[in-house]
Amino acid sequence: MQRSLSDILEVMAGMSKHLTLLFTADYYELPPILQREVYIEFYKLTYPLVYFILKDHQLAEDVIQESFLRVLDKSKQLDDIKKMESWIKTLSRNVAINFFRKLKRARNELSTDDVFIYRTLSETGRQLSPDEEVEGNMIRESIESYIHDLKPEYRQLIEMRWISQLSYKEMAATLRIPENGVKQKLYRAREAIRAKLKEEWGLKDE
C-alpha cells in the first residue's frame, strides 16, 4: 500500500526515522549501515516487552530477530502507518507468547532423551572416548536401577512408553485412565529419575 508523504512525515516527527523505513522502503535495498540502525531501533522498542515475557536475554534476542523478520514480511498489511509502533509491539508480543508456550510444552514433554540422557555409539553416530563409553554405561545402569525402584505404576508407564513405545492414547486405553493422567504420572516418574541423576551424578537439566 502506498503511503502518503504527509503520513510519513507525521510519523517520522513522532518517532525514529529509521524504524519508519520498515514501512516506507525496501529494507533489503538499504545500505548495510542503515539496515543496522533500523534493527537497533526495532530492538530498543521490543526488547523490554519480549524480555518481560521470557525472562531470558538470549531467548529474547532470538524472538526479537524472528519478530523483525515477520515485520518485514507483513509490513504491507498495516493500513495506518501512524499505528506502526503499537502494531510492532503486538506482533512481537504474540511471537514471544507463542515461543514461550512452545518452550513450556517442550520442557513438560516426556521424551526418551529426558530420561536416557547418555546414548551409545550406535545411537549417537559419534565416536565416544573410552571414558565416555564407560561413564555412559554406568549412568544407563544407574537409570535402570532407578526405574526398578520406582512405584510399580510408574515403572509400568515407563516400560509402556519407552520400551513398548505406546502412544499416550494407547496407554490410556490400556490402563483405562485419561490421557492427561498418563502424562502427569509419566512426568512424575521422569522427574524422580532426573532428581536421582542430579543427586548422584551432578547432571543438570538441559
N, C-alpha and C. Protein backbone atom coordinates (compact mmCIF):
# COMPACT_ATOMS: atom_id res chain seq x y z
N MET A 1 0.84 -1.19 0.00
CA MET A 1 0.00 0.00 0.00
C MET A 1 0.88 1.24 0.00
N GLN A 2 0.56 2.21 -0.84
CA GLN A 2 1.33 3.44 -0.92
C GLN A 2 1.07 4.32 0.30
N ARG A 3 2.11 4.87 0.87
CA ARG A 3 1.99 5.79 2.00
C ARG A 3 2.04 7.21 1.46
N SER A 4 1.17 8.04 1.98
CA SER A 4 1.21 9.43 1.56
C SER A 4 2.37 10.12 2.24
N LEU A 5 2.90 11.16 1.60
CA LEU A 5 4.03 11.91 2.18
C LEU A 5 3.66 12.51 3.51
N SER A 6 2.44 12.98 3.65
CA SER A 6 2.01 13.59 4.91
C SER A 6 1.99 12.57 6.04
N ASP A 7 1.53 11.34 5.72
CA ASP A 7 1.53 10.29 6.73
C ASP A 7 2.94 9.97 7.19
N ILE A 8 3.83 9.85 6.23
CA ILE A 8 5.21 9.51 6.55
C ILE A 8 5.86 10.58 7.40
N LEU A 9 5.68 11.83 7.01
CA LEU A 9 6.28 12.93 7.76
C LEU A 9 5.71 13.02 9.16
N GLU A 10 4.40 12.76 9.28
CA GLU A 10 3.77 12.84 10.61
C GLU A 10 4.33 11.78 11.54
N VAL A 11 4.50 10.59 11.02
CA VAL A 11 5.04 9.51 11.84
C VAL A 11 6.49 9.78 12.20
N MET A 12 7.26 10.21 11.22
CA MET A 12 8.68 10.46 11.45
C MET A 12 8.90 11.55 12.47
N ALA A 13 7.97 12.46 12.59
CA ALA A 13 8.09 13.54 13.57
C ALA A 13 7.91 13.01 14.98
N GLY A 14 7.19 11.87 15.11
CA GLY A 14 6.89 11.34 16.44
C GLY A 14 7.80 10.22 16.88
N MET A 15 8.55 9.61 15.94
CA MET A 15 9.42 8.51 16.33
C MET A 15 10.58 8.40 15.34
N SER A 16 11.41 7.41 15.55
CA SER A 16 12.63 7.28 14.77
C SER A 16 12.37 7.14 13.28
N LYS A 17 13.11 7.88 12.49
CA LYS A 17 13.00 7.76 11.04
C LYS A 17 13.52 6.41 10.57
N HIS A 18 14.44 5.83 11.33
CA HIS A 18 14.98 4.54 10.95
C HIS A 18 13.92 3.45 11.02
N LEU A 19 13.14 3.43 12.10
CA LEU A 19 12.09 2.43 12.24
C LEU A 19 11.02 2.61 11.17
N THR A 20 10.76 3.84 10.80
CA THR A 20 9.77 4.13 9.77
C THR A 20 10.12 3.48 8.44
N LEU A 21 11.39 3.29 8.19
CA LEU A 21 11.83 2.70 6.93
C LEU A 21 11.34 1.27 6.74
N LEU A 22 10.95 0.61 7.84
CA LEU A 22 10.39 -0.73 7.72
C LEU A 22 9.11 -0.72 6.89
N PHE A 23 8.44 0.42 6.89
CA PHE A 23 7.14 0.52 6.22
C PHE A 23 7.16 1.42 4.99
N THR A 24 8.23 2.14 4.80
CA THR A 24 8.27 3.11 3.70
C THR A 24 9.34 2.81 2.66
N ALA A 25 10.14 1.76 2.91
CA ALA A 25 11.23 1.46 1.98
C ALA A 25 11.43 -0.04 1.91
N ASP A 26 12.21 -0.47 0.94
CA ASP A 26 12.59 -1.88 0.84
C ASP A 26 13.83 -2.08 1.71
N TYR A 27 13.64 -2.71 2.85
CA TYR A 27 14.72 -2.86 3.82
C TYR A 27 15.96 -3.48 3.20
N TYR A 28 15.77 -4.48 2.35
CA TYR A 28 16.91 -5.22 1.79
C TYR A 28 17.71 -4.40 0.77
N GLU A 29 17.15 -3.30 0.34
CA GLU A 29 17.87 -2.44 -0.59
C GLU A 29 18.56 -1.28 0.12
N LEU A 30 18.37 -1.17 1.43
CA LEU A 30 19.01 -0.10 2.19
C LEU A 30 20.50 -0.41 2.37
N PRO A 31 21.33 0.60 2.52
CA PRO A 31 22.75 0.37 2.81
C PRO A 31 22.90 -0.39 4.13
N PRO A 32 23.90 -1.25 4.25
CA PRO A 32 24.08 -2.04 5.47
C PRO A 32 24.08 -1.23 6.76
N ILE A 33 24.72 -0.07 6.73
CA ILE A 33 24.76 0.75 7.95
C ILE A 33 23.37 1.22 8.35
N LEU A 34 22.53 1.50 7.35
CA LEU A 34 21.17 1.94 7.63
C LEU A 34 20.30 0.76 8.08
N GLN A 35 20.54 -0.40 7.52
CA GLN A 35 19.83 -1.60 7.98
C GLN A 35 20.11 -1.83 9.46
N ARG A 36 21.36 -1.64 9.84
CA ARG A 36 21.73 -1.83 11.24
C ARG A 36 20.99 -0.84 12.14
N GLU A 37 20.90 0.41 11.70
CA GLU A 37 20.21 1.43 12.50
C GLU A 37 18.73 1.07 12.66
N VAL A 38 18.14 0.56 11.60
CA VAL A 38 16.72 0.16 11.66
C VAL A 38 16.55 -0.94 12.69
N TYR A 39 17.43 -1.93 12.65
CA TYR A 39 17.31 -3.06 13.58
C TYR A 39 17.54 -2.61 15.03
N ILE A 40 18.49 -1.72 15.22
CA ILE A 40 18.75 -1.21 16.58
C ILE A 40 17.50 -0.55 17.16
N GLU A 41 16.84 0.27 16.35
CA GLU A 41 15.62 0.93 16.81
C GLU A 41 14.53 -0.11 17.12
N PHE A 42 14.43 -1.10 16.27
CA PHE A 42 13.45 -2.17 16.49
C PHE A 42 13.76 -2.91 17.79
N TYR A 43 15.02 -3.20 17.99
CA TYR A 43 15.46 -3.92 19.19
C TYR A 43 15.11 -3.12 20.45
N LYS A 44 15.42 -1.84 20.43
CA LYS A 44 15.14 -1.00 21.60
C LYS A 44 13.65 -0.93 21.91
N LEU A 45 12.84 -0.94 20.86
CA LEU A 45 11.39 -0.85 21.06
C LEU A 45 10.82 -2.14 21.64
N THR A 46 11.31 -3.29 21.18
CA THR A 46 10.68 -4.56 21.53
C THR A 46 11.34 -5.31 22.68
N TYR A 47 12.59 -5.03 22.96
CA TYR A 47 13.29 -5.82 23.98
C TYR A 47 12.60 -5.82 25.35
N PRO A 48 12.20 -4.68 25.91
CA PRO A 48 11.56 -4.71 27.23
C PRO A 48 10.33 -5.61 27.27
N LEU A 49 9.52 -5.55 26.24
CA LEU A 49 8.31 -6.35 26.19
C LEU A 49 8.62 -7.83 26.09
N VAL A 50 9.51 -8.18 25.17
CA VAL A 50 9.84 -9.59 24.95
C VAL A 50 10.56 -10.18 26.16
N TYR A 51 11.48 -9.43 26.73
CA TYR A 51 12.21 -9.93 27.90
C TYR A 51 11.27 -10.14 29.09
N PHE A 52 10.28 -9.28 29.23
CA PHE A 52 9.31 -9.39 30.32
C PHE A 52 8.57 -10.72 30.24
N ILE A 53 8.31 -11.20 29.03
CA ILE A 53 7.58 -12.45 28.84
C ILE A 53 8.49 -13.66 29.05
N LEU A 54 9.71 -13.61 28.51
CA LEU A 54 10.59 -14.78 28.51
C LEU A 54 11.55 -14.84 29.69
N LYS A 55 11.90 -13.68 30.25
CA LYS A 55 12.82 -13.62 31.39
C LYS A 55 14.18 -14.25 31.05
N ASP A 56 14.61 -14.15 29.80
CA ASP A 56 15.88 -14.73 29.39
C ASP A 56 16.44 -13.88 28.26
N HIS A 57 17.65 -13.36 28.44
CA HIS A 57 18.22 -12.44 27.47
C HIS A 57 18.43 -13.07 26.10
N GLN A 58 19.04 -14.27 26.07
CA GLN A 58 19.33 -14.91 24.79
C GLN A 58 18.05 -15.27 24.05
N LEU A 59 17.08 -15.80 24.79
CA LEU A 59 15.80 -16.15 24.16
C LEU A 59 15.11 -14.90 23.63
N ALA A 60 15.21 -13.81 24.39
CA ALA A 60 14.59 -12.56 23.96
C ALA A 60 15.22 -12.09 22.65
N GLU A 61 16.52 -12.20 22.55
CA GLU A 61 17.19 -11.78 21.31
C GLU A 61 16.76 -12.64 20.13
N ASP A 62 16.61 -13.94 20.35
CA ASP A 62 16.16 -14.83 19.28
C ASP A 62 14.75 -14.46 18.82
N VAL A 63 13.88 -14.19 19.79
CA VAL A 63 12.50 -13.85 19.45
C VAL A 63 12.42 -12.50 18.75
N ILE A 64 13.25 -11.57 19.16
CA ILE A 64 13.27 -10.25 18.50
C ILE A 64 13.68 -10.40 17.04
N GLN A 65 14.67 -11.23 16.79
CA GLN A 65 15.10 -11.47 15.40
C GLN A 65 13.96 -12.07 14.58
N GLU A 66 13.26 -13.04 15.18
CA GLU A 66 12.12 -13.65 14.49
C GLU A 66 11.02 -12.63 14.25
N SER A 67 10.76 -11.80 15.24
CA SER A 67 9.73 -10.77 15.11
C SER A 67 10.09 -9.77 14.01
N PHE A 68 11.35 -9.43 13.95
CA PHE A 68 11.82 -8.48 12.94
C PHE A 68 11.57 -9.03 11.54
N LEU A 69 11.88 -10.30 11.33
CA LEU A 69 11.65 -10.92 10.03
C LEU A 69 10.17 -10.96 9.69
N ARG A 70 9.35 -11.17 10.68
CA ARG A 70 7.90 -11.20 10.42
C ARG A 70 7.36 -9.82 10.08
N VAL A 71 7.92 -8.82 10.74
CA VAL A 71 7.51 -7.45 10.41
C VAL A 71 7.88 -7.13 8.96
N LEU A 72 9.07 -7.52 8.56
CA LEU A 72 9.48 -7.29 7.18
C LEU A 72 8.52 -7.98 6.22
N ASP A 73 8.08 -9.15 6.58
CA ASP A 73 7.20 -9.93 5.71
C ASP A 73 5.78 -9.38 5.68
N LYS A 74 5.33 -8.80 6.80
CA LYS A 74 3.94 -8.40 6.91
C LYS A 74 3.73 -6.88 6.94
N SER A 75 4.78 -6.12 6.76
CA SER A 75 4.68 -4.67 6.92
C SER A 75 3.64 -4.03 5.99
N LYS A 76 3.44 -4.61 4.82
CA LYS A 76 2.47 -4.05 3.87
C LYS A 76 1.03 -4.25 4.31
N GLN A 77 0.83 -5.07 5.33
CA GLN A 77 -0.52 -5.32 5.82
C GLN A 77 -1.02 -4.21 6.74
N LEU A 78 -0.13 -3.35 7.19
CA LEU A 78 -0.52 -2.28 8.09
C LEU A 78 -1.17 -1.15 7.29
N ASP A 79 -2.41 -0.87 7.61
CA ASP A 79 -3.15 0.16 6.86
C ASP A 79 -2.81 1.57 7.30
N ASP A 80 -2.60 1.75 8.59
CA ASP A 80 -2.35 3.09 9.13
C ASP A 80 -0.93 3.14 9.69
N ILE A 81 -0.03 3.77 8.99
CA ILE A 81 1.37 3.80 9.42
C ILE A 81 1.54 4.50 10.76
N LYS A 82 0.59 5.33 11.13
CA LYS A 82 0.69 6.03 12.41
C LYS A 82 0.56 5.06 13.59
N LYS A 83 0.09 3.86 13.32
CA LYS A 83 -0.09 2.86 14.38
C LYS A 83 1.04 1.83 14.37
N MET A 84 2.11 2.12 13.64
CA MET A 84 3.12 1.08 13.45
C MET A 84 3.81 0.67 14.75
N GLU A 85 4.00 1.58 15.68
CA GLU A 85 4.69 1.22 16.92
C GLU A 85 3.87 0.20 17.70
N SER A 86 2.58 0.45 17.87
CA SER A 86 1.73 -0.49 18.59
C SER A 86 1.59 -1.80 17.81
N TRP A 87 1.58 -1.70 16.48
CA TRP A 87 1.48 -2.90 15.64
C TRP A 87 2.72 -3.77 15.80
N ILE A 88 3.89 -3.15 15.83
CA ILE A 88 5.14 -3.90 16.02
C ILE A 88 5.15 -4.56 17.40
N LYS A 89 4.72 -3.83 18.41
CA LYS A 89 4.72 -4.38 19.76
C LYS A 89 3.75 -5.56 19.86
N THR A 90 2.58 -5.44 19.25
CA THR A 90 1.60 -6.52 19.30
C THR A 90 2.13 -7.76 18.60
N LEU A 91 2.73 -7.57 17.42
CA LEU A 91 3.28 -8.71 16.69
C LEU A 91 4.40 -9.37 17.49
N SER A 92 5.29 -8.58 18.06
CA SER A 92 6.42 -9.13 18.83
C SER A 92 5.92 -9.83 20.08
N ARG A 93 4.92 -9.26 20.69
CA ARG A 93 4.34 -9.89 21.89
C ARG A 93 3.76 -11.25 21.54
N ASN A 94 3.05 -11.35 20.44
CA ASN A 94 2.46 -12.62 20.03
C ASN A 94 3.53 -13.66 19.71
N VAL A 95 4.59 -13.22 19.06
CA VAL A 95 5.69 -14.15 18.76
C VAL A 95 6.31 -14.66 20.06
N ALA A 96 6.51 -13.75 21.01
CA ALA A 96 7.12 -14.14 22.29
C ALA A 96 6.22 -15.10 23.06
N ILE A 97 4.92 -14.84 23.07
CA ILE A 97 3.99 -15.71 23.80
C ILE A 97 3.94 -17.09 23.16
N ASN A 98 3.88 -17.13 21.84
CA ASN A 98 3.86 -18.43 21.15
C ASN A 98 5.15 -19.20 21.41
N PHE A 99 6.26 -18.49 21.41
CA PHE A 99 7.55 -19.13 21.69
C PHE A 99 7.56 -19.68 23.11
N PHE A 100 7.05 -18.89 24.05
CA PHE A 100 7.02 -19.31 25.45
C PHE A 100 6.16 -20.56 25.63
N ARG A 101 5.01 -20.59 24.95
CA ARG A 101 4.13 -21.75 25.06
C ARG A 101 4.78 -23.00 24.50
N LYS A 102 5.46 -22.86 23.35
CA LYS A 102 6.15 -24.00 22.76
C LYS A 102 7.28 -24.47 23.67
N LEU A 103 7.99 -23.51 24.26
CA LEU A 103 9.09 -23.85 25.16
C LEU A 103 8.57 -24.59 26.39
N LYS A 104 7.45 -24.13 26.90
CA LYS A 104 6.86 -24.76 28.09
C LYS A 104 6.42 -26.17 27.78
N ARG A 105 5.80 -26.35 26.59
CA ARG A 105 5.37 -27.69 26.19
C ARG A 105 6.57 -28.61 26.02
N ALA A 106 7.62 -28.06 25.43
CA ALA A 106 8.82 -28.87 25.20
C ALA A 106 9.44 -29.30 26.52
N ARG A 107 9.44 -28.40 27.50
CA ARG A 107 10.03 -28.73 28.80
C ARG A 107 9.19 -29.76 29.55
N ASN A 108 7.88 -29.74 29.31
CA ASN A 108 7.00 -30.67 30.00
C ASN A 108 6.80 -31.97 29.25
N GLU A 109 7.19 -31.97 27.96
CA GLU A 109 7.00 -33.17 27.14
C GLU A 109 7.88 -34.30 27.65
N LEU A 110 7.32 -35.46 27.65
CA LEU A 110 8.04 -36.62 28.15
C LEU A 110 8.70 -37.33 26.98
N SER A 111 10.00 -37.19 26.86
CA SER A 111 10.72 -37.82 25.76
C SER A 111 11.79 -38.75 26.30
N THR A 112 12.20 -39.68 25.47
CA THR A 112 13.24 -40.61 25.87
C THR A 112 14.51 -39.89 26.27
N ASP A 113 14.84 -38.82 25.56
CA ASP A 113 16.08 -38.10 25.84
C ASP A 113 16.11 -37.54 27.25
N ASP A 114 14.92 -37.21 27.80
CA ASP A 114 14.89 -36.64 29.13
C ASP A 114 15.32 -37.65 30.18
N VAL A 115 15.08 -38.92 29.92
CA VAL A 115 15.43 -39.95 30.90
C VAL A 115 16.74 -40.61 30.55
N PHE A 116 16.87 -41.10 29.32
CA PHE A 116 18.08 -41.77 28.90
C PHE A 116 19.02 -40.72 28.31
N ILE A 117 19.71 -40.00 29.19
CA ILE A 117 20.50 -38.85 28.79
C ILE A 117 21.70 -39.25 27.95
N TYR A 118 22.38 -40.31 28.30
CA TYR A 118 23.56 -40.74 27.56
C TYR A 118 23.19 -41.88 26.60
N ARG A 119 23.63 -41.75 25.35
CA ARG A 119 23.34 -42.78 24.36
C ARG A 119 24.62 -43.52 23.99
N THR A 120 24.44 -44.71 23.42
CA THR A 120 25.59 -45.48 22.99
C THR A 120 26.07 -44.96 21.65
N LEU A 121 27.20 -45.46 21.21
CA LEU A 121 27.80 -45.04 19.94
C LEU A 121 26.84 -45.25 18.78
N SER A 122 26.16 -46.41 18.74
CA SER A 122 25.27 -46.71 17.63
C SER A 122 24.10 -45.76 17.57
N GLU A 123 23.70 -45.18 18.70
CA GLU A 123 22.55 -44.28 18.75
C GLU A 123 22.93 -42.86 18.39
N THR A 124 24.13 -42.44 18.74
CA THR A 124 24.52 -41.05 18.52
C THR A 124 25.22 -40.85 17.18
N GLY A 125 25.87 -41.90 16.70
CA GLY A 125 26.62 -41.76 15.46
C GLY A 125 27.94 -41.03 15.67
N ARG A 126 28.32 -40.78 16.92
CA ARG A 126 29.58 -40.09 17.22
C ARG A 126 30.50 -41.06 17.96
N GLN A 127 31.77 -41.04 17.61
CA GLN A 127 32.74 -41.91 18.26
C GLN A 127 32.97 -41.44 19.70
N LEU A 128 32.66 -42.29 20.66
CA LEU A 128 32.83 -41.94 22.06
C LEU A 128 34.22 -42.36 22.52
N SER A 129 34.77 -41.58 23.42
CA SER A 129 36.05 -41.95 24.01
C SER A 129 35.81 -43.10 24.99
N PRO A 130 36.85 -43.84 25.34
CA PRO A 130 36.67 -44.94 26.32
C PRO A 130 36.05 -44.44 27.62
N ASP A 131 36.48 -43.26 28.09
CA ASP A 131 35.93 -42.73 29.34
C ASP A 131 34.45 -42.41 29.20
N GLU A 132 34.07 -41.82 28.04
CA GLU A 132 32.67 -41.51 27.80
C GLU A 132 31.83 -42.77 27.73
N GLU A 133 32.37 -43.80 27.08
CA GLU A 133 31.65 -45.06 26.95
C GLU A 133 31.40 -45.68 28.32
N VAL A 134 32.43 -45.69 29.15
CA VAL A 134 32.31 -46.27 30.49
C VAL A 134 31.31 -45.48 31.33
N GLU A 135 31.48 -44.15 31.31
CA GLU A 135 30.57 -43.31 32.09
C GLU A 135 29.13 -43.46 31.61
N GLY A 136 28.96 -43.48 30.28
CA GLY A 136 27.61 -43.63 29.73
C GLY A 136 26.97 -44.93 30.15
N ASN A 137 27.73 -46.02 30.11
CA ASN A 137 27.19 -47.31 30.51
C ASN A 137 26.84 -47.32 32.00
N MET A 138 27.68 -46.68 32.82
CA MET A 138 27.41 -46.63 34.26
C MET A 138 26.14 -45.84 34.54
N ILE A 139 25.96 -44.74 33.81
CA ILE A 139 24.76 -43.93 34.02
C ILE A 139 23.52 -44.68 33.58
N ARG A 140 23.62 -45.39 32.44
CA ARG A 140 22.48 -46.16 31.98
C ARG A 140 22.11 -47.24 32.99
N GLU A 141 23.12 -47.86 33.58
CA GLU A 141 22.85 -48.88 34.60
C GLU A 141 22.18 -48.24 35.81
N SER A 142 22.63 -47.04 36.16
CA SER A 142 22.02 -46.34 37.28
C SER A 142 20.56 -46.03 36.99
N ILE A 143 20.30 -45.58 35.75
CA ILE A 143 18.92 -45.25 35.36
C ILE A 143 18.03 -46.48 35.47
N GLU A 144 18.55 -47.61 35.01
CA GLU A 144 17.78 -48.85 35.09
C GLU A 144 17.45 -49.20 36.54
N SER A 145 18.41 -48.96 37.44
CA SER A 145 18.15 -49.24 38.86
C SER A 145 17.14 -48.25 39.43
N TYR A 146 17.20 -46.99 38.98
CA TYR A 146 16.23 -46.00 39.44
C TYR A 146 14.82 -46.40 39.00
N ILE A 147 14.72 -46.86 37.76
CA ILE A 147 13.41 -47.28 37.25
C ILE A 147 12.88 -48.46 38.06
N HIS A 148 13.79 -49.40 38.38
CA HIS A 148 13.39 -50.58 39.16
C HIS A 148 12.86 -50.18 40.53
N ASP A 149 13.39 -49.08 41.08
CA ASP A 149 12.99 -48.64 42.43
C ASP A 149 11.74 -47.77 42.42
N LEU A 150 11.23 -47.43 41.26
CA LEU A 150 10.02 -46.61 41.18
C LEU A 150 8.80 -47.37 41.67
N LYS A 151 7.73 -46.62 41.93
CA LYS A 151 6.46 -47.28 42.22
C LYS A 151 6.09 -48.17 41.04
N PRO A 152 5.44 -49.29 41.29
CA PRO A 152 5.06 -50.21 40.21
C PRO A 152 4.30 -49.52 39.07
N GLU A 153 3.39 -48.59 39.41
CA GLU A 153 2.60 -47.94 38.36
C GLU A 153 3.48 -47.03 37.49
N TYR A 154 4.48 -46.38 38.11
CA TYR A 154 5.40 -45.54 37.36
C TYR A 154 6.31 -46.39 36.47
N ARG A 155 6.77 -47.50 37.03
CA ARG A 155 7.64 -48.40 36.26
C ARG A 155 6.89 -48.97 35.06
N GLN A 156 5.63 -49.32 35.27
CA GLN A 156 4.82 -49.84 34.18
C GLN A 156 4.64 -48.81 33.07
N LEU A 157 4.40 -47.56 33.45
CA LEU A 157 4.21 -46.49 32.48
C LEU A 157 5.47 -46.26 31.65
N ILE A 158 6.62 -46.26 32.30
CA ILE A 158 7.88 -46.06 31.58
C ILE A 158 8.14 -47.19 30.59
N GLU A 159 7.86 -48.41 31.02
CA GLU A 159 8.06 -49.56 30.13
C GLU A 159 7.10 -49.48 28.93
N MET A 160 5.87 -49.07 29.18
CA MET A 160 4.89 -48.96 28.10
C MET A 160 5.28 -47.87 27.11
N ARG A 161 5.79 -46.75 27.65
CA ARG A 161 6.10 -45.61 26.80
C ARG A 161 7.41 -45.79 26.05
N TRP A 162 8.49 -46.21 26.73
CA TRP A 162 9.82 -46.17 26.14
C TRP A 162 10.36 -47.52 25.70
N ILE A 163 9.73 -48.60 26.17
CA ILE A 163 10.14 -49.92 25.70
C ILE A 163 9.14 -50.45 24.67
N SER A 164 7.86 -50.42 25.03
CA SER A 164 6.82 -50.85 24.08
C SER A 164 6.48 -49.75 23.09
N GLN A 165 6.87 -48.50 23.44
CA GLN A 165 6.67 -47.33 22.57
C GLN A 165 5.20 -47.13 22.22
N LEU A 166 4.35 -47.25 23.22
CA LEU A 166 2.93 -46.99 23.03
C LEU A 166 2.68 -45.48 23.06
N SER A 167 1.64 -45.05 22.37
CA SER A 167 1.24 -43.65 22.40
C SER A 167 0.50 -43.38 23.70
N TYR A 168 0.32 -42.10 24.03
CA TYR A 168 -0.43 -41.75 25.23
C TYR A 168 -1.85 -42.30 25.14
N LYS A 169 -2.42 -42.23 23.95
CA LYS A 169 -3.79 -42.70 23.75
C LYS A 169 -3.88 -44.21 23.99
N GLU A 170 -2.92 -44.95 23.48
CA GLU A 170 -2.90 -46.40 23.67
C GLU A 170 -2.69 -46.76 25.14
N MET A 171 -1.82 -46.00 25.81
CA MET A 171 -1.58 -46.25 27.23
C MET A 171 -2.83 -45.98 28.04
N ALA A 172 -3.50 -44.87 27.71
CA ALA A 172 -4.71 -44.51 28.44
C ALA A 172 -5.79 -45.57 28.27
N ALA A 173 -5.91 -46.09 27.05
CA ALA A 173 -6.92 -47.12 26.79
C ALA A 173 -6.59 -48.41 27.53
N THR A 174 -5.32 -48.77 27.56
CA THR A 174 -4.89 -50.00 28.24
C THR A 174 -5.12 -49.92 29.74
N LEU A 175 -4.77 -48.75 30.30
CA LEU A 175 -4.87 -48.57 31.76
C LEU A 175 -6.24 -48.05 32.20
N ARG A 176 -7.05 -47.65 31.21
CA ARG A 176 -8.38 -47.12 31.49
C ARG A 176 -8.33 -45.88 32.37
N ILE A 177 -7.42 -44.99 32.02
CA ILE A 177 -7.34 -43.69 32.69
C ILE A 177 -7.23 -42.61 31.61
N PRO A 178 -7.55 -41.34 31.94
CA PRO A 178 -7.46 -40.27 30.94
C PRO A 178 -6.02 -40.07 30.46
N GLU A 179 -5.87 -39.56 29.24
CA GLU A 179 -4.54 -39.29 28.70
C GLU A 179 -3.77 -38.32 29.57
N ASN A 180 -4.46 -37.30 30.10
CA ASN A 180 -3.79 -36.33 30.98
C ASN A 180 -3.22 -37.02 32.21
N GLY A 181 -3.95 -38.02 32.70
CA GLY A 181 -3.47 -38.77 33.85
C GLY A 181 -2.20 -39.53 33.52
N VAL A 182 -2.13 -40.11 32.32
CA VAL A 182 -0.94 -40.80 31.87
C VAL A 182 0.25 -39.83 31.83
N LYS A 183 0.04 -38.65 31.22
CA LYS A 183 1.11 -37.67 31.09
C LYS A 183 1.60 -37.19 32.45
N GLN A 184 0.67 -36.96 33.37
CA GLN A 184 1.06 -36.47 34.69
C GLN A 184 1.89 -37.51 35.44
N LYS A 185 1.47 -38.77 35.37
CA LYS A 185 2.20 -39.83 36.06
C LYS A 185 3.59 -40.04 35.44
N LEU A 186 3.66 -39.98 34.10
CA LEU A 186 4.95 -40.10 33.44
C LEU A 186 5.87 -38.95 33.81
N TYR A 187 5.29 -37.77 33.92
CA TYR A 187 6.08 -36.60 34.30
C TYR A 187 6.69 -36.80 35.68
N ARG A 188 5.89 -37.30 36.61
CA ARG A 188 6.38 -37.53 37.97
C ARG A 188 7.47 -38.60 37.98
N ALA A 189 7.27 -39.64 37.16
CA ALA A 189 8.27 -40.70 37.09
C ALA A 189 9.58 -40.16 36.53
N ARG A 190 9.49 -39.40 35.47
CA ARG A 190 10.70 -38.81 34.87
C ARG A 190 11.42 -37.90 35.85
N GLU A 191 10.65 -37.04 36.55
CA GLU A 191 11.27 -36.12 37.49
C GLU A 191 11.96 -36.86 38.64
N ALA A 192 11.38 -37.98 39.05
CA ALA A 192 12.00 -38.77 40.11
C ALA A 192 13.36 -39.31 39.65
N ILE A 193 13.42 -39.76 38.40
CA ILE A 193 14.68 -40.27 37.85
C ILE A 193 15.69 -39.16 37.68
N ARG A 194 15.26 -38.03 37.16
CA ARG A 194 16.17 -36.90 36.96
C ARG A 194 16.72 -36.40 38.29
N ALA A 195 15.88 -36.43 39.34
CA ALA A 195 16.33 -35.99 40.66
C ALA A 195 17.44 -36.90 41.18
N LYS A 196 17.28 -38.21 40.93
CA LYS A 196 18.32 -39.14 41.36
C LYS A 196 19.62 -38.93 40.57
N LEU A 197 19.49 -38.65 39.27
CA LEU A 197 20.67 -38.38 38.45
C LEU A 197 21.41 -37.15 38.94
N LYS A 198 20.66 -36.11 39.27
CA LYS A 198 21.27 -34.88 39.75
C LYS A 198 21.95 -35.10 41.10
N GLU A 199 21.32 -35.93 41.93
CA GLU A 199 21.86 -36.18 43.26
C GLU A 199 23.15 -37.01 43.19
N GLU A 200 23.17 -38.05 42.39
CA GLU A 200 24.29 -38.98 42.39
C GLU A 200 25.37 -38.66 41.36
N TRP A 201 24.95 -38.00 40.25
CA TRP A 201 25.91 -37.74 39.18
C TRP A 201 26.15 -36.26 38.92
N GLY A 202 25.37 -35.42 39.57
CA GLY A 202 25.55 -34.00 39.37
C GLY A 202 25.13 -33.52 37.99
N LEU A 203 24.28 -34.29 37.31
CA LEU A 203 23.83 -33.91 35.97
C LEU A 203 22.80 -32.81 36.07
N LYS A 204 22.89 -31.82 35.19
CA LYS A 204 21.98 -30.69 35.19
C LYS A 204 20.94 -30.86 34.10
N ASP A 205 19.75 -30.25 34.32
CA ASP A 205 18.71 -30.26 33.30
C ASP A 205 19.17 -29.48 32.10
N GLU A 206 18.82 -29.96 30.89
CA GLU A 206 19.17 -29.23 29.68
C GLU A 206 18.20 -28.09 29.49
